[in-house]
Amino acid sequence: MTSTHSPDAGSDAGASAASEAGLPRHVAIIMDGNNRWAKARGLSGVRGHHAGVEAVRATIRRAAERGVEVLTLFAFSSENWKRPRAEVSALMELFLLALKREVNKLHANGIRLTVIGDRSGFSEAIQAHIARAEAKTRDNTRLHLVIAANYGGHWDLARAARRLGERVAAGELAPEAIDEAALGGELSLAGVAPVDLCIRTSGEQRISNFVLWELAYAELHFTQRLWPDFDADAFDAALEDFRRRKRRFGMTDDQIDEAQGA
């Protein structure tokens, strides 16, 4: 699994123009509602997923325009394998097609692509195209696009714990040296700015085992729009909702106001 480690990516010094303008540096989205969108139109679920790809394109474009630093999209969870076999097969074909067709566009627009999740569950063809896409776009800096595929927050945490245990067993790490920083450093999004805003579409109000560690202090935005109907205006509305929030991080309102010079 290729790591997203990037030195200083999560430091205050690395704050982007977006954060300085009161906007989130890192936006994560649970893209939900493709099947319901299709069903409401008498279409197959696969058609809904194809429509969802257009929403992905629009969201990536708008995130880059607004100066968001990292955009993480939940494309396929480790639990989604339970879906009907035909739907899973169609999703894998769509994933491979997107990797073939979209990477050059991402690269031309200065967008870096990273895929997080257990890629061993994918075909060799998909794994090869993921590796090529990551290598091609690695040095791009306009926007870091992270696709979570065959990903689960529990899997990510368990893998990080296992890696730390292996280092302890090998004598490379003392047990007492394991702290939050050590655990966080073994996660898929290590080195990436924490999630500031998590958006979920389709009216559902849960985080569904998505980047659990990184959502610790994220603001949550829920919208009734089904994912294929999520567009630039909906993305802007979520950003404006975020801008109105007062993020305390355990402090009081007075402390926050004082820090902001109010």
Protein backbone atom coordinates (compact mmCIF):
# COMPACT_ATOMS: atom_id res chain seq x y z
CA MET A 1 0.00 0.00 0.00
CA THR A 2 1.51 3.32 -1.01
CA SER A 3 1.60 5.74 1.88
CA THR A 4 0.50 9.36 1.69
CA HIS A 5 3.34 10.46 3.96
CA SER A 6 4.33 14.04 3.19
CA PRO A 7 6.64 15.87 5.63
CA ASP A 8 5.07 18.92 7.27
CA ALA A 9 1.82 18.44 5.37
CA GLY A 10 -0.12 18.68 8.60
CA SER A 11 1.81 21.55 10.19
CA ASP A 12 0.50 25.07 10.79
CA ALA A 13 3.30 26.38 8.62
CA GLY A 14 1.87 24.44 5.73
CA ALA A 15 -1.56 26.07 6.03
CA SER A 16 -2.97 26.84 2.63
CA ALA A 17 -4.68 29.95 1.39
CA ALA A 18 -7.96 28.11 1.93
CA SER A 19 -7.41 27.82 5.69
CA GLU A 20 -6.33 31.46 5.91
CA ALA A 21 -9.62 32.45 4.28
CA GLY A 22 -11.57 30.48 6.87
CA LEU A 23 -12.10 27.54 4.56
CA PRO A 24 -11.10 23.92 5.24
CA ARG A 25 -7.71 22.63 4.19
CA HIS A 26 -8.95 19.04 4.02
CA VAL A 27 -12.45 18.08 2.91
CA ALA A 28 -13.64 14.46 3.06
CA ILE A 29 -16.82 13.32 1.37
CA ILE A 30 -18.96 10.21 1.83
CA MET A 31 -20.53 9.97 -1.62
CA ASP A 32 -23.93 8.38 -0.95
CA GLY A 33 -27.12 8.01 -2.95
CA ASN A 34 -26.19 6.71 -6.41
CA ASN A 35 -28.57 3.76 -6.21
CA ARG A 36 -31.46 5.83 -4.88
CA TRP A 37 -30.91 8.43 -7.59
CA ALA A 38 -31.09 5.72 -10.25
CA LYS A 39 -34.09 3.96 -8.70
CA ALA A 40 -36.07 7.21 -8.61
CA ARG A 41 -35.54 7.46 -12.37
CA GLY A 42 -36.27 3.83 -13.18
CA LEU A 43 -32.63 3.19 -14.02
CA SER A 44 -30.18 0.49 -12.99
CA GLY A 45 -27.87 1.07 -10.05
CA VAL A 46 -24.93 1.02 -12.46
CA ARG A 47 -26.37 4.05 -14.25
CA GLY A 48 -26.45 5.80 -10.90
CA HIS A 49 -22.76 5.12 -10.36
CA HIS A 50 -21.96 6.49 -13.82
CA ALA A 51 -23.90 9.64 -12.96
CA GLY A 52 -21.94 9.84 -9.73
CA VAL A 53 -18.70 10.09 -11.72
CA GLU A 54 -19.89 13.41 -13.13
CA ALA A 55 -20.43 14.69 -9.59
CA VAL A 56 -16.89 13.57 -8.74
CA ARG A 57 -15.50 15.59 -11.64
CA ALA A 58 -17.48 18.68 -10.65
CA THR A 59 -16.41 18.41 -7.01
CA ILE A 60 -12.73 17.97 -7.82
CA ARG A 61 -12.85 20.97 -10.13
CA ARG A 62 -14.59 23.15 -7.52
CA ALA A 63 -12.29 22.06 -4.69
CA ALA A 64 -9.26 23.06 -6.77
CA GLU A 65 -10.87 26.40 -7.67
CA ARG A 66 -11.60 27.19 -4.02
CA GLY A 67 -8.06 26.38 -2.89
CA VAL A 68 -8.81 23.25 -0.87
CA GLU A 69 -5.54 21.46 -0.12
CA VAL A 70 -6.76 17.85 0.23
CA LEU A 71 -9.97 16.23 -1.01
CA THR A 72 -10.67 12.68 0.19
CA LEU A 73 -13.52 10.78 -1.46
CA PHE A 74 -15.01 7.56 -0.05
CA ALA A 75 -15.47 5.56 -3.25
CA PHE A 76 -15.75 1.95 -2.06
CA SER A 77 -15.78 0.71 1.52
CA SER A 78 -14.49 -2.62 2.77
CA GLU A 79 -18.14 -3.46 3.49
CA ASN A 80 -19.30 -2.74 -0.07
CA TRP A 81 -18.17 -6.20 -1.21
CA LYS A 82 -21.45 -7.41 0.34
CA ARG A 83 -23.41 -5.73 -2.44
CA PRO A 84 -24.85 -7.77 -5.36
CA ARG A 85 -22.09 -9.37 -7.40
CA ALA A 86 -23.17 -7.67 -10.62
CA GLU A 87 -23.02 -4.24 -8.99
CA VAL A 88 -19.58 -4.89 -7.49
CA SER A 89 -18.30 -6.10 -10.86
CA ALA A 90 -19.67 -2.98 -12.56
CA LEU A 91 -18.05 -0.77 -9.90
CA MET A 92 -14.68 -2.42 -10.47
CA GLU A 93 -15.01 -1.87 -14.22
CA LEU A 94 -15.93 1.76 -13.62
CA PHE A 95 -12.96 2.21 -11.26
CA LEU A 96 -10.57 0.79 -13.84
CA LEU A 97 -12.08 2.92 -16.60
CA ALA A 98 -11.72 6.05 -14.48
CA LEU A 99 -8.09 5.22 -13.74
CA LYS A 100 -7.44 4.88 -17.48
CA ARG A 101 -9.34 7.97 -18.61
CA GLU A 102 -9.07 10.53 -15.83
CA VAL A 103 -5.43 10.42 -14.73
CA ASN A 104 -4.08 12.46 -17.64
CA LYS A 105 -6.70 15.14 -16.94
CA LEU A 106 -5.77 15.21 -13.27
CA HIS A 107 -2.10 15.48 -14.13
CA ALA A 108 -2.70 18.28 -16.64
CA ASN A 109 -4.52 20.23 -13.92
CA GLY A 110 -1.77 19.79 -11.32
CA ILE A 111 -3.70 17.32 -9.18
CA ARG A 112 -1.97 14.57 -7.23
CA LEU A 113 -3.81 11.26 -6.86
CA THR A 114 -3.42 8.82 -4.00
CA VAL A 115 -5.51 5.71 -3.34
CA ILE A 116 -5.86 4.46 0.24
CA GLY A 117 -7.29 1.13 1.30
CA ASP A 118 -6.48 -2.56 1.01
CA ARG A 119 -5.65 -2.74 -2.67
CA SER A 120 -4.84 -6.46 -2.44
CA GLY A 121 -8.56 -7.06 -2.96
CA PHE A 122 -8.41 -5.54 -6.44
CA SER A 123 -7.42 -7.17 -9.70
CA GLU A 124 -3.82 -6.96 -10.86
CA ALA A 125 -4.91 -4.58 -13.62
CA ILE A 126 -6.48 -2.15 -11.15
CA GLN A 127 -3.47 -2.35 -8.83
CA ALA A 128 -1.11 -1.63 -11.73
CA HIS A 129 -3.12 1.39 -12.89
CA ILE A 130 -3.27 2.75 -9.33
CA ALA A 131 0.52 2.53 -9.07
CA ARG A 132 1.00 4.24 -12.44
CA ALA A 133 -1.46 7.01 -11.58
CA GLU A 134 0.20 7.70 -8.24
CA ALA A 135 3.66 7.76 -9.81
CA LYS A 136 2.57 10.06 -12.66
CA THR A 137 0.93 12.64 -10.39
CA ARG A 138 3.17 12.40 -7.32
CA ASP A 139 4.81 15.81 -7.72
CA ASN A 140 1.63 17.77 -8.44
CA THR A 141 0.73 20.38 -5.83
CA ARG A 142 -2.49 22.17 -6.80
CA LEU A 143 -4.77 19.67 -5.04
CA HIS A 144 -4.16 16.32 -3.37
CA LEU A 145 -7.00 13.99 -4.34
CA VAL A 146 -7.30 10.91 -2.13
CA ILE A 147 -9.60 8.08 -3.16
CA ALA A 148 -10.57 5.66 -0.38
CA ALA A 149 -11.26 2.32 -2.08
CA ASN A 150 -11.69 -1.00 -0.27
CA TYR A 151 -11.09 1.15 2.76
CA GLY A 152 -12.39 0.96 6.32
CA GLY A 153 -11.40 2.98 9.36
CA HIS A 154 -11.22 -0.14 11.55
CA TRP A 155 -8.94 -1.82 8.98
CA ASP A 156 -6.69 1.25 8.92
CA LEU A 157 -6.36 1.39 12.72
CA ALA A 158 -5.80 -2.36 13.04
CA ARG A 159 -3.10 -2.26 10.36
CA ALA A 160 -1.38 0.64 12.11
CA ALA A 161 -1.46 -1.22 15.45
CA ARG A 162 -0.05 -4.34 13.78
CA ARG A 163 2.80 -2.38 12.23
CA LEU A 164 3.70 -0.86 15.60
CA GLY A 165 3.56 -4.32 17.18
CA GLU A 166 5.92 -5.66 14.52
CA ARG A 167 8.38 -2.84 15.23
CA VAL A 168 8.24 -3.58 18.96
CA ALA A 169 8.78 -7.32 18.33
CA ALA A 170 11.77 -6.49 16.14
CA GLY A 171 13.30 -4.35 18.87
CA GLU A 172 12.98 -1.20 16.77
CA LEU A 173 10.48 0.51 19.07
CA ALA A 174 9.92 0.54 22.82
CA PRO A 175 6.31 -0.06 23.92
CA GLU A 176 6.35 3.14 25.98
CA ALA A 177 7.21 5.09 22.81
CA ILE A 178 3.82 4.29 21.32
CA ASP A 179 1.69 7.42 21.55
CA GLU A 180 -0.84 9.22 19.40
CA ALA A 181 1.84 10.52 17.06
CA ALA A 182 3.31 7.04 16.58
CA LEU A 183 -0.08 5.51 15.80
CA GLY A 184 -1.08 8.36 13.53
CA GLY A 185 2.19 7.98 11.67
CA GLU A 186 1.23 4.47 10.57
CA LEU A 187 -2.21 5.36 9.18
CA SER A 188 -3.03 5.69 5.49
CA LEU A 189 -3.31 9.48 5.75
CA ALA A 190 -0.15 9.99 7.80
CA GLY A 191 1.44 13.34 7.02
CA VAL A 192 -1.74 14.77 5.51
CA ALA A 193 -3.60 17.64 7.20
CA PRO A 194 -6.41 16.39 9.46
CA VAL A 195 -9.92 16.43 8.02
CA ASP A 196 -11.55 19.80 8.70
CA LEU A 197 -14.89 19.15 7.03
CA CYS A 198 -16.69 15.89 6.31
CA ILE A 199 -19.65 16.02 3.94
CA ARG A 200 -22.19 13.23 3.56
CA THR A 201 -24.85 13.27 0.87
CA SER A 202 -28.29 11.58 0.62
CA GLY A 203 -29.60 12.64 4.03
CA GLU A 204 -27.87 9.89 6.01
CA GLN A 205 -26.18 11.08 9.21
CA ARG A 206 -23.39 8.66 10.03
CA ILE A 207 -19.69 8.34 9.15
CA SER A 208 -19.77 4.66 8.12
CA ASN A 209 -16.28 3.60 9.21
CA PHE A 210 -14.61 6.39 7.21
CA VAL A 211 -11.18 7.81 8.26
CA LEU A 212 -12.15 7.52 11.93
CA TRP A 213 -8.89 8.86 13.37
CA GLU A 214 -8.76 11.86 11.05
CA LEU A 215 -12.39 12.83 11.75
CA ALA A 216 -11.72 13.38 15.46
CA TYR A 217 -12.26 17.16 15.27
CA ALA A 218 -13.88 17.47 11.85
CA GLU A 219 -17.01 19.52 11.31
CA LEU A 220 -19.83 17.41 9.84
CA HIS A 221 -22.11 18.62 7.06
CA PHE A 222 -25.11 16.55 5.97
CA THR A 223 -27.10 17.31 2.84
CA GLN A 224 -30.28 15.77 1.48
CA ARG A 225 -28.89 15.82 -2.06
CA LEU A 226 -28.14 12.46 -3.58
CA TRP A 227 -24.55 12.20 -4.79
CA PRO A 228 -25.24 12.54 -8.56
CA ASP A 229 -27.04 15.85 -7.77
CA PHE A 230 -24.12 17.21 -5.75
CA ASP A 231 -22.59 20.06 -7.73
CA ALA A 232 -20.35 23.12 -7.33
CA ASP A 233 -23.14 25.08 -5.64
CA ALA A 234 -23.69 22.31 -3.10
CA PHE A 235 -19.96 22.17 -2.43
CA ASP A 236 -19.86 25.94 -1.92
CA ALA A 237 -22.81 25.70 0.48
CA ALA A 238 -20.91 23.16 2.57
CA LEU A 239 -17.85 25.42 2.65
CA GLU A 240 -19.95 28.38 3.76
CA ASP A 241 -21.53 26.26 6.49
CA PHE A 242 -18.03 25.38 7.65
CA ARG A 243 -16.98 29.03 7.63
CA ARG A 244 -19.80 29.87 10.05
CA ARG A 245 -18.73 27.23 12.58
CA LYS A 246 -16.67 28.10 15.67
CA ARG A 247 -14.10 25.34 16.14
CA ARG A 248 -13.08 25.10 19.80
CA PHE A 249 -10.71 22.10 19.96
CA GLY A 250 -11.51 21.74 23.68
CA MET A 251 -11.19 25.45 24.48
CA THR A 252 -13.85 27.95 25.58
CA ASP A 253 -15.43 30.63 23.42
CA ASP A 254 -13.49 33.29 25.33
CA GLN A 255 -10.20 31.56 24.63
CA ILE A 256 -11.03 31.25 20.95
CA ASP A 257 -12.07 34.91 20.72
CA GLU A 258 -8.87 35.99 22.47
CA ALA A 259 -6.72 33.89 20.15
CA GLN A 260 -8.48 35.43 17.16
CA GLY A 261 -8.07 38.93 18.55
CA ALA A 262 -11.81 39.49 18.95
